[in-house]
């Protein structure tokens, strides 16, 4: 059951994005042989794209904030990065040693990053 849910999540995320390996290529590769490694590669690509979206938002915020407020946001963001890493390690730890562990970690990273983007977008409206 969990494997089916994780595969569905991978396919959904892969379908939303494009990259060095397209979503269609990821999906086709998973359908043909379904190795966990391919799922991990696709989800890692999606995690990188989520990070890119967050970085772009931070750049827009930097342009709109006064220096003191930007410095304060950077301090908060550094703490948030630590939280993100520790939280996602915690989530993935239950699969310690399993081939699905990197997938769960990356999926958590995407979810937490997307949550952070939504939080910061509230700040953008305030800038």
PDB file of N, CA and C in Angstrom:
ATOM      1  N   UNK A   1       0.827  -1.192   0.000  1.00  0.00           N
ATOM      2  CA  UNK A   1       0.000   0.000   0.000  1.00  0.00           C
ATOM      3  C   UNK A   1       0.872   1.256   0.000  1.00  0.00           C
ATOM      4  N   UNK A   2       1.866   1.315   0.917  1.00  0.00           N
ATOM      5  CA  UNK A   2       2.734   2.500   0.999  1.00  0.00           C
ATOM      6  C   UNK A   2       3.506   2.668  -0.301  1.00  0.00           C
ATOM      7  N   UNK A   3       3.937   1.550  -0.885  1.00  0.00           N
ATOM      8  CA  UNK A   3       4.689   1.631  -2.148  1.00  0.00           C
ATOM      9  C   UNK A   3       3.824   2.222  -3.254  1.00  0.00           C
ATOM     10  N   UNK A   4       2.561   1.838  -3.302  1.00  0.00           N
ATOM     11  CA  UNK A   4       1.644   2.382  -4.304  1.00  0.00           C
ATOM     12  C   UNK A   4       1.447   3.871  -4.099  1.00  0.00           C
ATOM     13  N   UNK A   5       1.270   4.295  -2.846  1.00  0.00           N
ATOM     14  CA  UNK A   5       1.111   5.722  -2.552  1.00  0.00           C
ATOM     15  C   UNK A   5       2.354   6.511  -2.940  1.00  0.00           C
ATOM     16  N   UNK A   6       3.515   5.972  -2.628  1.00  0.00           N
ATOM     17  CA  UNK A   6       4.760   6.657  -2.958  1.00  0.00           C
ATOM     18  C   UNK A   6       4.948   6.734  -4.467  1.00  0.00           C
ATOM     19  N   UNK A   7       4.604   5.673  -5.185  1.00  0.00           N
ATOM     20  CA  UNK A   7       4.711   5.696  -6.635  1.00  0.00           C
ATOM     21  C   UNK A   7       3.758   6.730  -7.219  1.00  0.00           C
ATOM     22  N   UNK A   8       2.550   6.786  -6.698  1.00  0.00           N
ATOM     23  CA  UNK A   8       1.589   7.779  -7.175  1.00  0.00           C
ATOM     24  C   UNK A   8       2.101   9.191  -6.924  1.00  0.00           C
ATOM     25  N   UNK A   9       2.686   9.424  -5.764  1.00  0.00           N
ATOM     26  CA  UNK A   9       3.250  10.745  -5.459  1.00  0.00           C
ATOM     27  C   UNK A   9       4.384  11.070  -6.414  1.00  0.00           C
ATOM     28  N   UNK A  10       5.227  10.103  -6.697  1.00  0.00           N
ATOM     29  CA  UNK A  10       6.348  10.329  -7.615  1.00  0.00           C
ATOM     30  C   UNK A  10       5.851  10.670  -9.002  1.00  0.00           C
ATOM     31  N   UNK A  11       4.860   9.948  -9.466  1.00  0.00           N
ATOM     32  CA  UNK A  11       4.331  10.211 -10.805  1.00  0.00           C
ATOM     33  C   UNK A  11       3.650  11.569 -10.869  1.00  0.00           C
ATOM     34  N   UNK A  12       2.938  11.933  -9.833  1.00  0.00           N
ATOM     35  CA  UNK A  12       2.282  13.240  -9.797  1.00  0.00           C
ATOM     36  C   UNK A  12       3.312  14.353  -9.820  1.00  0.00           C
ATOM     37  N   UNK A  13       4.335  14.240  -8.987  1.00  0.00           N
ATOM     38  CA  UNK A  13       5.375  15.262  -8.955  1.00  0.00           C
ATOM     39  C   UNK A  13       6.151  15.297 -10.258  1.00  0.00           C
ATOM     40  N   UNK A  14       6.445  14.151 -10.799  1.00  0.00           N
ATOM     41  CA  UNK A  14       7.191  14.109 -12.055  1.00  0.00           C
ATOM     42  C   UNK A  14       6.386  14.726 -13.186  1.00  0.00           C
ATOM     43  N   UNK A  15       5.097  14.535 -13.167  1.00  0.00           N
ATOM     44  CA  UNK A  15       4.259  15.071 -14.231  1.00  0.00           C
ATOM     45  C   UNK A  15       4.178  16.592 -14.187  1.00  0.00           C
ATOM     46  N   UNK A  16       4.423  17.195 -13.029  1.00  0.00           N
ATOM     47  CA  UNK A  16       4.330  18.644 -12.891  1.00  0.00           C
ATOM     48  C   UNK A  16       5.591  19.356 -13.339  1.00  0.00           C
ATOM     49  N   UNK A  17       6.651  18.650 -13.552  1.00  0.00           N
ATOM     50  CA  UNK A  17       7.926  19.316 -13.776  1.00  0.00           C
ATOM     51  C   UNK A  17       8.595  18.838 -15.047  1.00  0.00           C
ATOM     52  N   UNK A  18       9.598  19.597 -15.472  1.00  0.00           N
ATOM     53  CA  UNK A  18      10.438  19.198 -16.593  1.00  0.00           C
ATOM     54  C   UNK A  18      11.873  19.449 -16.184  1.00  0.00           C
ATOM     55  N   UNK A  19      12.774  18.697 -16.745  1.00  0.00           N
ATOM     56  CA  UNK A  19      14.166  18.879 -16.379  1.00  0.00           C
ATOM     57  C   UNK A  19      15.053  18.096 -17.305  1.00  0.00           C
ATOM     58  N   UNK A  20      16.258  17.805 -16.819  1.00  0.00           N
ATOM     59  CA  UNK A  20      17.203  17.058 -17.631  1.00  0.00           C
ATOM     60  C   UNK A  20      16.571  15.739 -18.073  1.00  0.00           C
ATOM     61  N   UNK A  21      15.883  15.100 -17.162  1.00  0.00           N
ATOM     62  CA  UNK A  21      15.124  13.917 -17.513  1.00  0.00           C
ATOM     63  C   UNK A  21      13.665  14.343 -17.401  1.00  0.00           C
ATOM     64  N   UNK A  22      12.916  14.279 -18.489  1.00  0.00           N
ATOM     65  CA  UNK A  22      11.546  14.789 -18.488  1.00  0.00           C
ATOM     66  C   UNK A  22      10.652  13.925 -17.615  1.00  0.00           C
ATOM     67  N   UNK A  23       9.501  14.494 -17.258  1.00  0.00           N
ATOM     68  CA  UNK A  23       8.533  13.755 -16.464  1.00  0.00           C
ATOM     69  C   UNK A  23       8.100  12.489 -17.199  1.00  0.00           C
ATOM     70  N   UNK A  24       7.885  12.609 -18.507  1.00  0.00           N
ATOM     71  CA  UNK A  24       7.480  11.441 -19.296  1.00  0.00           C
ATOM     72  C   UNK A  24       8.551  10.359 -19.259  1.00  0.00           C
ATOM     73  N   UNK A  25       9.812  10.773 -19.355  1.00  0.00           N
ATOM     74  CA  UNK A  25      10.912   9.793 -19.282  1.00  0.00           C
ATOM     75  C   UNK A  25      10.951   9.130 -17.919  1.00  0.00           C
ATOM     76  N   UNK A  26      10.747   9.917 -16.856  1.00  0.00           N
ATOM     77  CA  UNK A  26      10.718   9.334 -15.511  1.00  0.00           C
ATOM     78  C   UNK A  26       9.588   8.321 -15.401  1.00  0.00           C
ATOM     79  N   UNK A  27       8.410   8.720 -15.845  1.00  0.00           N
ATOM     80  CA  UNK A  27       7.244   7.853 -15.749  1.00  0.00           C
ATOM     81  C   UNK A  27       7.462   6.573 -16.549  1.00  0.00           C
ATOM     82  N   UNK A  28       7.970   6.707 -17.777  1.00  0.00           N
ATOM     83  CA  UNK A  28       8.210   5.546 -18.626  1.00  0.00           C
ATOM     84  C   UNK A  28       9.234   4.614 -17.990  1.00  0.00           C
ATOM     85  N   UNK A  29      10.295   5.181 -17.470  1.00  0.00           N
ATOM     86  CA  UNK A  29      11.332   4.356 -16.836  1.00  0.00           C
ATOM     87  C   UNK A  29      10.770   3.614 -15.631  1.00  0.00           C
ATOM     88  N   UNK A  30       9.933   4.294 -14.843  1.00  0.00           N
ATOM     89  CA  UNK A  30       9.359   3.637 -13.675  1.00  0.00           C
ATOM     90  C   UNK A  30       8.364   2.557 -14.083  1.00  0.00           C
ATOM     91  N   UNK A  31       7.597   2.787 -15.133  1.00  0.00           N
ATOM     92  CA  UNK A  31       6.620   1.796 -15.582  1.00  0.00           C
ATOM     93  C   UNK A  31       7.304   0.558 -16.144  1.00  0.00           C
ATOM     94  N   UNK A  32       8.434   0.752 -16.806  1.00  0.00           N
ATOM     95  CA  UNK A  32       9.131  -0.379 -17.422  1.00  0.00           C
ATOM     96  C   UNK A  32       9.775  -1.286 -16.383  1.00  0.00           C
ATOM     97  N   UNK A  33      10.504  -0.706 -15.449  1.00  0.00           N
ATOM     98  CA  UNK A  33      11.227  -1.556 -14.510  1.00  0.00           C
ATOM     99  C   UNK A  33      10.910  -1.228 -13.055  1.00  0.00           C
ATOM    100  N   UNK A  34      10.394  -0.057 -12.815  1.00  0.00           N
ATOM    101  CA  UNK A  34       9.977   0.387 -11.497  1.00  0.00           C
ATOM    102  C   UNK A  34      11.067   0.312 -10.417  1.00  0.00           C
ATOM    103  N   UNK A  35      12.334   0.554 -10.751  1.00  0.00           N
ATOM    104  CA  UNK A  35      13.336   0.525  -9.686  1.00  0.00           C
ATOM    105  C   UNK A  35      13.233   1.768  -8.816  1.00  0.00           C
ATOM    106  N   UNK A  36      13.422   1.568  -7.559  1.00  0.00           N
ATOM    107  CA  UNK A  36      13.353   2.675  -6.604  1.00  0.00           C
ATOM    108  C   UNK A  36      14.382   3.754  -6.940  1.00  0.00           C
ATOM    109  N   UNK A  37      15.506   3.351  -7.469  1.00  0.00           N
ATOM    110  CA  UNK A  37      16.543   4.324  -7.821  1.00  0.00           C
ATOM    111  C   UNK A  37      16.032   5.344  -8.833  1.00  0.00           C
ATOM    112  N   UNK A  38      15.300   4.902  -9.828  1.00  0.00           N
ATOM    113  CA  UNK A  38      14.752   5.835 -10.806  1.00  0.00           C
ATOM    114  C   UNK A  38      13.741   6.775 -10.167  1.00  0.00           C
ATOM    115  N   UNK A  39      12.930   6.254  -9.269  1.00  0.00           N
ATOM    116  CA  UNK A  39      11.988   7.112  -8.552  1.00  0.00           C
ATOM    117  C   UNK A  39      12.751   8.162  -7.754  1.00  0.00           C
ATOM    118  N   UNK A  40      13.827   7.749  -7.125  1.00  0.00           N
ATOM    119  CA  UNK A  40      14.628   8.681  -6.329  1.00  0.00           C
ATOM    120  C   UNK A  40      15.238   9.774  -7.206  1.00  0.00           C
ATOM    121  N   UNK A  41      15.707   9.396  -8.384  1.00  0.00           N
ATOM    122  CA  UNK A  41      16.286  10.385  -9.299  1.00  0.00           C
ATOM    123  C   UNK A  41      15.235  11.404  -9.710  1.00  0.00           C
ATOM    124  N   UNK A  42      14.055  10.943 -10.044  1.00  0.00           N
ATOM    125  CA  UNK A  42      12.989  11.858 -10.468  1.00  0.00           C
ATOM    126  C   UNK A  42      12.565  12.783  -9.327  1.00  0.00           C
ATOM    127  N   UNK A  43      12.410  12.255  -8.146  1.00  0.00           N
ATOM    128  CA  UNK A  43      11.964  13.087  -7.021  1.00  0.00           C
ATOM    129  C   UNK A  43      13.071  14.063  -6.608  1.00  0.00           C
ATOM    130  N   UNK A  44      14.321  13.649  -6.737  1.00  0.00           N
ATOM    131  CA  UNK A  44      15.424  14.574  -6.443  1.00  0.00           C
ATOM    132  C   UNK A  44      15.402  15.761  -7.403  1.00  0.00           C
ATOM    133  N   UNK A  45      15.103  15.495  -8.660  1.00  0.00           N
ATOM    134  CA  UNK A  45      14.988  16.578  -9.633  1.00  0.00           C
ATOM    135  C   UNK A  45      13.876  17.536  -9.217  1.00  0.00           C
ATOM    136  N   UNK A  46      12.747  16.987  -8.795  1.00  0.00           N
ATOM    137  CA  UNK A  46      11.626  17.813  -8.359  1.00  0.00           C
ATOM    138  C   UNK A  46      11.987  18.627  -7.119  1.00  0.00           C
ATOM    139  N   UNK A  47      12.757  18.033  -6.220  1.00  0.00           N
ATOM    140  CA  UNK A  47      13.197  18.759  -5.020  1.00  0.00           C
ATOM    141  C   UNK A  47      14.098  19.926  -5.405  1.00  0.00           C
ATOM    142  N   UNK A  48      14.964  19.718  -6.383  1.00  0.00           N
ATOM    143  CA  UNK A  48      15.819  20.798  -6.857  1.00  0.00           C
ATOM    144  C   UNK A  48      15.015  21.930  -7.467  1.00  0.00           C
ATOM    145  N   UNK A  49      13.949  21.581  -8.173  1.00  0.00           N
ATOM    146  CA  UNK A  49      13.096  22.614  -8.756  1.00  0.00           C
ATOM    147  C   UNK A  49      12.334  23.385  -7.685  1.00  0.00           C
ATOM    148  N   UNK A  50      11.919  22.709  -6.620  1.00  0.00           N
ATOM    149  CA  UNK A  50      11.264  23.399  -5.505  1.00  0.00           C
ATOM    150  C   UNK A  50      12.247  24.378  -4.866  1.00  0.00           C
ATOM    151  N   UNK A  51      13.486  23.951  -4.714  1.00  0.00           N
ATOM    152  CA  UNK A  51      14.511  24.838  -4.160  1.00  0.00           C
ATOM    153  C   UNK A  51      14.740  26.046  -5.061  1.00  0.00           C
ATOM    154  N   UNK A  52      14.741  25.818  -6.364  1.00  0.00           N
ATOM    155  CA  UNK A  52      14.897  26.926  -7.320  1.00  0.00           C
ATOM    156  C   UNK A  52      13.765  27.942  -7.175  1.00  0.00           C
ATOM    157  N   UNK A  53      12.534  27.447  -6.994  1.00  0.00           N
ATOM    158  CA  UNK A  53      11.395  28.362  -6.811  1.00  0.00           C
ATOM    159  C   UNK A  53      11.546  29.172  -5.526  1.00  0.00           C
ATOM    160  N   UNK A  54      12.015  28.528  -4.466  1.00  0.00           N
ATOM    161  CA  UNK A  54      12.238  29.235  -3.209  1.00  0.00           C
ATOM    162  C   UNK A  54      13.337  30.283  -3.367  1.00  0.00           C
ATOM    163  N   UNK A  55      14.414  29.927  -4.027  1.00  0.00           N
ATOM    164  CA  UNK A  55      15.514  30.877  -4.253  1.00  0.00           C
ATOM    165  C   UNK A  55      15.053  32.089  -5.049  1.00  0.00           C
ATOM    166  N   UNK A  56      14.216  31.860  -6.061  1.00  0.00           N
ATOM    167  CA  UNK A  56      13.707  32.971  -6.873  1.00  0.00           C
ATOM    168  C   UNK A  56      12.829  33.897  -6.035  1.00  0.00           C
ATOM    169  N   UNK A  57      12.023  33.313  -5.169  1.00  0.00           N
ATOM    170  CA  UNK A  57      11.180  34.131  -4.296  1.00  0.00           C
ATOM    171  C   UNK A  57      12.028  34.936  -3.330  1.00  0.00           C
ATOM    172  N   UNK A  58      13.053  34.322  -2.774  1.00  0.00           N
ATOM    173  CA  UNK A  58      13.941  35.051  -1.864  1.00  0.00           C
ATOM    174  C   UNK A  58      14.638  36.205  -2.582  1.00  0.00           C
ATOM    175  N   UNK A  59      15.000  36.004  -3.820  1.00  0.00           N
ATOM    176  CA  UNK A  59      15.627  37.087  -4.598  1.00  0.00           C
ATOM    177  C   UNK A  59      14.652  38.250  -4.768  1.00  0.00           C
ATOM    178  N   UNK A  60      13.390  37.933  -5.042  1.00  0.00           N
ATOM    179  CA  UNK A  60      12.387  39.002  -5.161  1.00  0.00           C
ATOM    180  C   UNK A  60      12.192  39.715  -3.827  1.00  0.00           C
ATOM    181  N   UNK A  61      12.178  38.953  -2.757  1.00  0.00           N
ATOM    182  CA  UNK A  61      12.044  39.569  -1.436  1.00  0.00           C
ATOM    183  C   UNK A  61      13.219  40.489  -1.136  1.00  0.00           C
ATOM    184  N   UNK A  62      14.413  40.019  -1.466  1.00  0.00           N
ATOM    185  CA  UNK A  62      15.607  40.832  -1.195  1.00  0.00           C
ATOM    186  C   UNK A  62      15.510  42.190  -1.894  1.00  0.00           C
ATOM    187  N   UNK A  63      15.004  42.178  -3.107  1.00  0.00           N
ATOM    188  CA  UNK A  63      14.890  43.419  -3.867  1.00  0.00           C
ATOM    189  C   UNK A  63      13.877  44.376  -3.248  1.00  0.00           C
ATOM    190  N   UNK A  64      12.899  43.838  -2.525  1.00  0.00           N
ATOM    191  CA  UNK A  64      11.846  44.683  -1.987  1.00  0.00           C
ATOM    192  C   UNK A  64      11.967  45.038  -0.522  1.00  0.00           C
ATOM    193  N   UNK A  65      12.903  44.428   0.168  1.00  0.00           N
ATOM    194  CA  UNK A  65      13.049  44.681   1.601  1.00  0.00           C
ATOM    195  C   UNK A  65      14.173  45.668   1.874  1.00  0.00           C
ATOM    196  N   UNK A  66      13.990  46.444   2.936  1.00  0.00           N
ATOM    197  CA  UNK A  66      15.104  47.308   3.343  1.00  0.00           C
ATOM    198  C   UNK A  66      16.194  46.414   3.943  1.00  0.00           C
ATOM    199  N   UNK A  67      17.435  46.886   4.001  1.00  0.00           N
ATOM    200  CA  UNK A  67      18.559  46.038   4.426  1.00  0.00           C
ATOM    201  C   UNK A  67      18.383  45.400   5.807  1.00  0.00           C
ATOM    202  N   UNK A  68      17.827  46.128   6.748  1.00  0.00           N
ATOM    203  CA  UNK A  68      17.661  45.567   8.098  1.00  0.00           C
ATOM    204  C   UNK A  68      16.647  44.419   8.088  1.00  0.00           C
ATOM    205  N   UNK A  69      15.569  44.601   7.355  1.00  0.00           N
ATOM    206  CA  UNK A  69      14.546  43.545   7.287  1.00  0.00           C
ATOM    207  C   UNK A  69      15.075  42.335   6.516  1.00  0.00           C
ATOM    208  N   UNK A  70      15.855  42.576   5.460  1.00  0.00           N
ATOM    209  CA  UNK A  70      16.462  41.471   4.715  1.00  0.00           C
ATOM    210  C   UNK A  70      17.403  40.677   5.611  1.00  0.00           C
ATOM    211  N   UNK A  71      18.205  41.383   6.411  1.00  0.00           N
ATOM    212  CA  UNK A  71      19.133  40.702   7.318  1.00  0.00           C
ATOM    213  C   UNK A  71      18.364  39.839   8.319  1.00  0.00           C
ATOM    214  N   UNK A  72      17.257  40.369   8.823  1.00  0.00           N
ATOM    215  CA  UNK A  72      16.431  39.598   9.759  1.00  0.00           C
ATOM    216  C   UNK A  72      15.847  38.359   9.079  1.00  0.00           C
ATOM    217  N   UNK A  73      15.383  38.525   7.833  1.00  0.00           N
ATOM    218  CA  UNK A  73      14.839  37.387   7.104  1.00  0.00           C
ATOM    219  C   UNK A  73      15.911  36.326   6.867  1.00  0.00           C
ATOM    220  N   UNK A  74      17.120  36.750   6.563  1.00  0.00           N
ATOM    221  CA  UNK A  74      18.204  35.780   6.362  1.00  0.00           C
ATOM    222  C   UNK A  74      18.457  34.953   7.613  1.00  0.00           C
ATOM    223  N   UNK A  75      18.418  35.593   8.771  1.00  0.00           N
ATOM    224  CA  UNK A  75      18.605  34.847  10.025  1.00  0.00           C
ATOM    225  C   UNK A  75      17.499  33.810  10.208  1.00  0.00           C
ATOM    226  N   UNK A  76      16.270  34.228   9.942  1.00  0.00           N
ATOM    227  CA  UNK A  76      15.143  33.300  10.039  1.00  0.00           C
ATOM    228  C   UNK A  76      15.293  32.178   9.026  1.00  0.00           C
ATOM    229  N   UNK A  77      15.690  32.529   7.820  1.00  0.00           N
ATOM    230  CA  UNK A  77      15.812  31.536   6.756  1.00  0.00           C
ATOM    231  C   UNK A  77      16.889  30.501   7.085  1.00  0.00           C
ATOM    232  N   UNK A  78      17.975  30.947   7.671  1.00  0.00           N
ATOM    233  CA  UNK A  78      19.036  29.990   8.067  1.00  0.00           C
ATOM    234  C   UNK A  78      18.500  28.989   9.085  1.00  0.00           C
ATOM    235  N   UNK A  79      17.714  29.473  10.020  1.00  0.00           N
ATOM    236  CA  UNK A  79      17.111  28.567  11.012  1.00  0.00           C
ATOM    237  C   UNK A  79      16.102  27.639  10.347  1.00  0.00           C
ATOM    238  N   UNK A  80      15.355  28.186   9.386  1.00  0.00           N
ATOM    239  CA  UNK A  80      14.377  27.367   8.682  1.00  0.00           C
ATOM    240  C   UNK A  80      15.076  26.242   7.914  1.00  0.00           C
ATOM    241  N   UNK A  81      16.209  26.535   7.288  1.00  0.00           N
ATOM    242  CA  UNK A  81      16.955  25.506   6.552  1.00  0.00           C
ATOM    243  C   UNK A  81      17.364  24.375   7.497  1.00  0.00           C
ATOM    244  N   UNK A  82      17.811  24.733   8.694  1.00  0.00           N
ATOM    245  CA  UNK A  82      18.154  23.706   9.693  1.00  0.00           C
ATOM    246  C   UNK A  82      16.926  22.880  10.059  1.00  0.00           C
ATOM    247  N   UNK A  83      15.800  23.572  10.289  1.00  0.00           N
ATOM    248  CA  UNK A  83      14.552  22.866  10.608  1.00  0.00           C
ATOM    249  C   UNK A  83      14.182  21.907   9.483  1.00  0.00           C
ATOM    250  N   UNK A  84      14.224  22.399   8.249  1.00  0.00           N
ATOM    251  CA  UNK A  84      13.855  21.580   7.098  1.00  0.00           C
ATOM    252  C   UNK A  84      14.695  20.298   7.053  1.00  0.00           C
ATOM    253  N   UNK A  85      15.993  20.445   7.198  1.00  0.00           N
ATOM    254  CA  UNK A  85      16.887  19.288   7.142  1.00  0.00           C
ATOM    255  C   UNK A  85      16.584  18.299   8.265  1.00  0.00           C
ATOM    256  N   UNK A  86      16.441  18.797   9.480  1.00  0.00           N
ATOM    257  CA  UNK A  86      16.190  17.910  10.618  1.00  0.00           C
ATOM    258  C   UNK A  86      14.809  17.260  10.525  1.00  0.00           C
ATOM    259  N   UNK A  87      13.816  18.037  10.120  1.00  0.00           N
ATOM    260  CA  UNK A  87      12.459  17.495  10.003  1.00  0.00           C
ATOM    261  C   UNK A  87      12.410  16.381   8.963  1.00  0.00           C
ATOM    262  N   UNK A  88      13.015  16.625   7.819  1.00  0.00           N
ATOM    263  CA  UNK A  88      12.963  15.623   6.753  1.00  0.00           C
ATOM    264  C   UNK A  88      13.805  14.394   7.086  1.00  0.00           C
ATOM    265  N   UNK A  89      14.880  14.583   7.807  1.00  0.00           N
ATOM    266  CA  UNK A  89      15.648  13.419   8.291  1.00  0.00           C
ATOM    267  C   UNK A  89      14.795  12.592   9.247  1.00  0.00           C
ATOM    268  N   UNK A  90      14.074  13.274  10.122  1.00  0.00           N
ATOM    269  CA  UNK A  90      13.183  12.583  11.058  1.00  0.00           C
ATOM    270  C   UNK A  90      12.123  11.788  10.302  1.00  0.00           C
ATOM    271  N   UNK A  91      11.502  12.421   9.310  1.00  0.00           N
ATOM    272  CA  UNK A  91      10.463  11.740   8.526  1.00  0.00           C
ATOM    273  C   UNK A  91      11.023  10.519   7.796  1.00  0.00           C
ATOM    274  N   UNK A  92      12.212  10.642   7.257  1.00  0.00           N
ATOM    275  CA  UNK A  92      12.810   9.549   6.487  1.00  0.00           C
ATOM    276  C   UNK A  92      13.399   8.451   7.368  1.00  0.00           C
ATOM    277  N   UNK A  93      13.673   8.765   8.624  1.00  0.00           N
ATOM    278  CA  UNK A  93      14.351   7.815   9.511  1.00  0.00           C
ATOM    279  C   UNK A  93      13.574   6.519   9.708  1.00  0.00           C
ATOM    280  N   UNK A  94      12.272   6.580   9.605  1.00  0.00           N
ATOM    281  CA  UNK A  94      11.503   5.343   9.804  1.00  0.00           C
ATOM    282  C   UNK A  94      11.757   4.328   8.692  1.00  0.00           C
ATOM    283  N   UNK A  95      12.362   4.779   7.608  1.00  0.00           N
ATOM    284  CA  UNK A  95      12.705   3.885   6.495  1.00  0.00           C
ATOM    285  C   UNK A  95      14.214   3.641   6.433  1.00  0.00           C
ATOM    286  N   UNK A  96      14.880   3.835   7.562  1.00  0.00           N
ATOM    287  CA  UNK A  96      16.335   3.700   7.654  1.00  0.00           C
ATOM    288  C   UNK A  96      16.811   2.412   6.996  1.00  0.00           C
ATOM    289  N   UNK A  97      17.736   2.573   6.066  1.00  0.00           N
ATOM    290  CA  UNK A  97      18.321   1.430   5.388  1.00  0.00           C
ATOM    291  C   UNK A  97      17.523   0.940   4.195  1.00  0.00           C
ATOM    292  N   UNK A  98      16.321   1.463   4.025  1.00  0.00           N
ATOM    293  CA  UNK A  98      15.489   1.032   2.903  1.00  0.00           C
ATOM    294  C   UNK A  98      15.731   1.878   1.664  1.00  0.00           C
ATOM    295  N   UNK A  99      15.437   1.307   0.531  1.00  0.00           N
ATOM    296  CA  UNK A  99      15.662   2.040  -0.715  1.00  0.00           C
ATOM    297  C   UNK A  99      14.682   3.194  -0.891  1.00  0.00           C
ATOM    298  N   UNK A 100      13.583   3.204  -0.141  1.00  0.00           N
ATOM    299  CA  UNK A 100      12.597   4.271  -0.246  1.00  0.00           C
ATOM    300  C   UNK A 100      12.979   5.490   0.610  1.00  0.00           C
ATOM    301  N   UNK A 101      13.944   5.328   1.501  1.00  0.00           N
ATOM    302  CA  UNK A 101      14.315   6.418   2.410  1.00  0.00           C
ATOM    303  C   UNK A 101      14.673   7.717   1.671  1.00  0.00           C
ATOM    304  N   UNK A 102      15.511   7.696   0.637  1.00  0.00           N
ATOM    305  CA  UNK A 102      15.815   8.948  -0.066  1.00  0.00           C
ATOM    306  C   UNK A 102      14.580   9.575  -0.719  1.00  0.00           C
ATOM    307  N   UNK A 103      13.670   8.728  -1.189  1.00  0.00           N
ATOM    308  CA  UNK A 103      12.444   9.233  -1.794  1.00  0.00           C
ATOM    309  C   UNK A 103      11.605   9.969  -0.756  1.00  0.00           C
ATOM    310  N   UNK A 104      11.439   9.382   0.405  1.00  0.00           N
ATOM    311  CA  UNK A 104      10.649   9.988   1.481  1.00  0.00           C
ATOM    312  C   UNK A 104      11.293  11.301   1.924  1.00  0.00           C
ATOM    313  N   UNK A 105      12.614  11.313   2.038  1.00  0.00           N
ATOM    314  CA  UNK A 105      13.330  12.536   2.428  1.00  0.00           C
ATOM    315  C   UNK A 105      13.096  13.645   1.395  1.00  0.00           C
ATOM    316  N   UNK A 106      13.223  13.311   0.112  1.00  0.00           N
ATOM    317  CA  UNK A 106      13.036  14.309  -0.943  1.00  0.00           C
ATOM    318  C   UNK A 106      11.586  14.783  -1.015  1.00  0.00           C
ATOM    319  N   UNK A 107      10.639  13.871  -0.835  1.00  0.00           N
ATOM    320  CA  UNK A 107       9.230  14.256  -0.847  1.00  0.00           C
ATOM    321  C   UNK A 107       8.942  15.219   0.302  1.00  0.00           C
ATOM    322  N   UNK A 108       9.479  14.941   1.470  1.00  0.00           N
ATOM    323  CA  UNK A 108       9.352  15.841   2.618  1.00  0.00           C
ATOM    324  C   UNK A 108       9.965  17.196   2.291  1.00  0.00           C
ATOM    325  N   UNK A 109      11.144  17.176   1.700  1.00  0.00           N
ATOM    326  CA  UNK A 109      11.826  18.422   1.326  1.00  0.00           C
ATOM    327  C   UNK A 109      10.930  19.266   0.426  1.00  0.00           C
ATOM    328  N   UNK A 110      10.306  18.631  -0.546  1.00  0.00           N
ATOM    329  CA  UNK A 110       9.417  19.351  -1.465  1.00  0.00           C
ATOM    330  C   UNK A 110       8.234  19.941  -0.706  1.00  0.00           C
ATOM    331  N   UNK A 111       7.616  19.131   0.134  1.00  0.00           N
ATOM    332  CA  UNK A 111       6.439  19.606   0.869  1.00  0.00           C
ATOM    333  C   UNK A 111       6.778  20.765   1.795  1.00  0.00           C
ATOM    334  N   UNK A 112       7.867  20.641   2.529  1.00  0.00           N
ATOM    335  CA  UNK A 112       8.265  21.696   3.457  1.00  0.00           C
ATOM    336  C   UNK A 112       8.676  22.954   2.685  1.00  0.00           C
ATOM    337  N   UNK A 113       9.358  22.778   1.570  1.00  0.00           N
ATOM    338  CA  UNK A 113       9.768  23.921   0.750  1.00  0.00           C
ATOM    339  C   UNK A 113       8.547  24.636   0.175  1.00  0.00           C
ATOM    340  N   UNK A 114       7.584  23.883  -0.330  1.00  0.00           N
ATOM    341  CA  UNK A 114       6.366  24.502  -0.863  1.00  0.00           C
ATOM    342  C   UNK A 114       5.602  25.242   0.239  1.00  0.00           C
ATOM    343  N   UNK A 115       5.588  24.678   1.445  1.00  0.00           N
ATOM    344  CA  UNK A 115       4.971  25.376   2.585  1.00  0.00           C
ATOM    345  C   UNK A 115       5.694  26.697   2.858  1.00  0.00           C
ATOM    346  N   UNK A 116       7.010  26.665   2.809  1.00  0.00           N
ATOM    347  CA  UNK A 116       7.794  27.879   3.057  1.00  0.00           C
ATOM    348  C   UNK A 116       7.533  28.928   1.976  1.00  0.00           C
ATOM    349  N   UNK A 117       7.412  28.497   0.745  1.00  0.00           N
ATOM    350  CA  UNK A 117       7.110  29.428  -0.341  1.00  0.00           C
ATOM    351  C   UNK A 117       5.782  30.129  -0.067  1.00  0.00           C
ATOM    352  N   UNK A 118       4.772  29.360   0.342  1.00  0.00           N
ATOM    353  CA  UNK A 118       3.470  29.959   0.654  1.00  0.00           C
ATOM    354  C   UNK A 118       3.595  30.966   1.797  1.00  0.00           C
ATOM    355  N   UNK A 119       4.390  30.624   2.821  1.00  0.00           N
ATOM    356  CA  UNK A 119       4.594  31.550   3.942  1.00  0.00           C
ATOM    357  C   UNK A 119       5.253  32.839   3.466  1.00  0.00           C
ATOM    358  N   UNK A 120       6.293  32.701   2.688  1.00  0.00           N
ATOM    359  CA  UNK A 120       7.028  33.886   2.228  1.00  0.00           C
ATOM    360  C   UNK A 120       6.219  34.710   1.243  1.00  0.00           C
ATOM    361  N   UNK A 121       5.358  34.082   0.470  1.00  0.00           N
ATOM    362  CA  UNK A 121       4.510  34.846  -0.444  1.00  0.00           C
ATOM    363  C   UNK A 121       3.637  35.817   0.341  1.00  0.00           C
ATOM    364  N   UNK A 122       3.250  35.439   1.545  1.00  0.00           N
ATOM    365  CA  UNK A 122       2.539  36.365   2.418  1.00  0.00           C
ATOM    366  C   UNK A 122       3.402  37.572   2.726  1.00  0.00           C
ATOM    367  N   UNK A 123       4.702  37.357   2.879  1.00  0.00           N
ATOM    368  CA  UNK A 123       5.634  38.441   3.121  1.00  0.00           C
ATOM    369  C   UNK A 123       5.799  39.305   1.885  1.00  0.00           C
ATOM    370  N   UNK A 124       5.774  38.688   0.711  1.00  0.00           N
ATOM    371  CA  UNK A 124       5.904  39.439  -0.538  1.00  0.00           C
ATOM    372  C   UNK A 124       4.751  40.427  -0.657  1.00  0.00           C
ATOM    373  N   UNK A 125       3.564  40.002  -0.276  1.00  0.00           N
ATOM    374  CA  UNK A 125       2.404  40.895  -0.358  1.00  0.00           C
ATOM    375  C   UNK A 125       2.562  42.075   0.597  1.00  0.00           C
ATOM    376  N   UNK A 126       3.369  41.891   1.627  1.00  0.00           N
ATOM    377  CA  UNK A 126       3.585  42.940   2.612  1.00  0.00           C
ATOM    378  C   UNK A 126       4.712  43.881   2.206  1.00  0.00           C
ATOM    379  N   UNK A 127       5.498  43.498   1.203  1.00  0.00           N
ATOM    380  CA  UNK A 127       6.647  44.300   0.783  1.00  0.00           C
ATOM    381  C   UNK A 127       6.171  45.448  -0.077  1.00  0.00           C
TER     382      UNK A 127
END
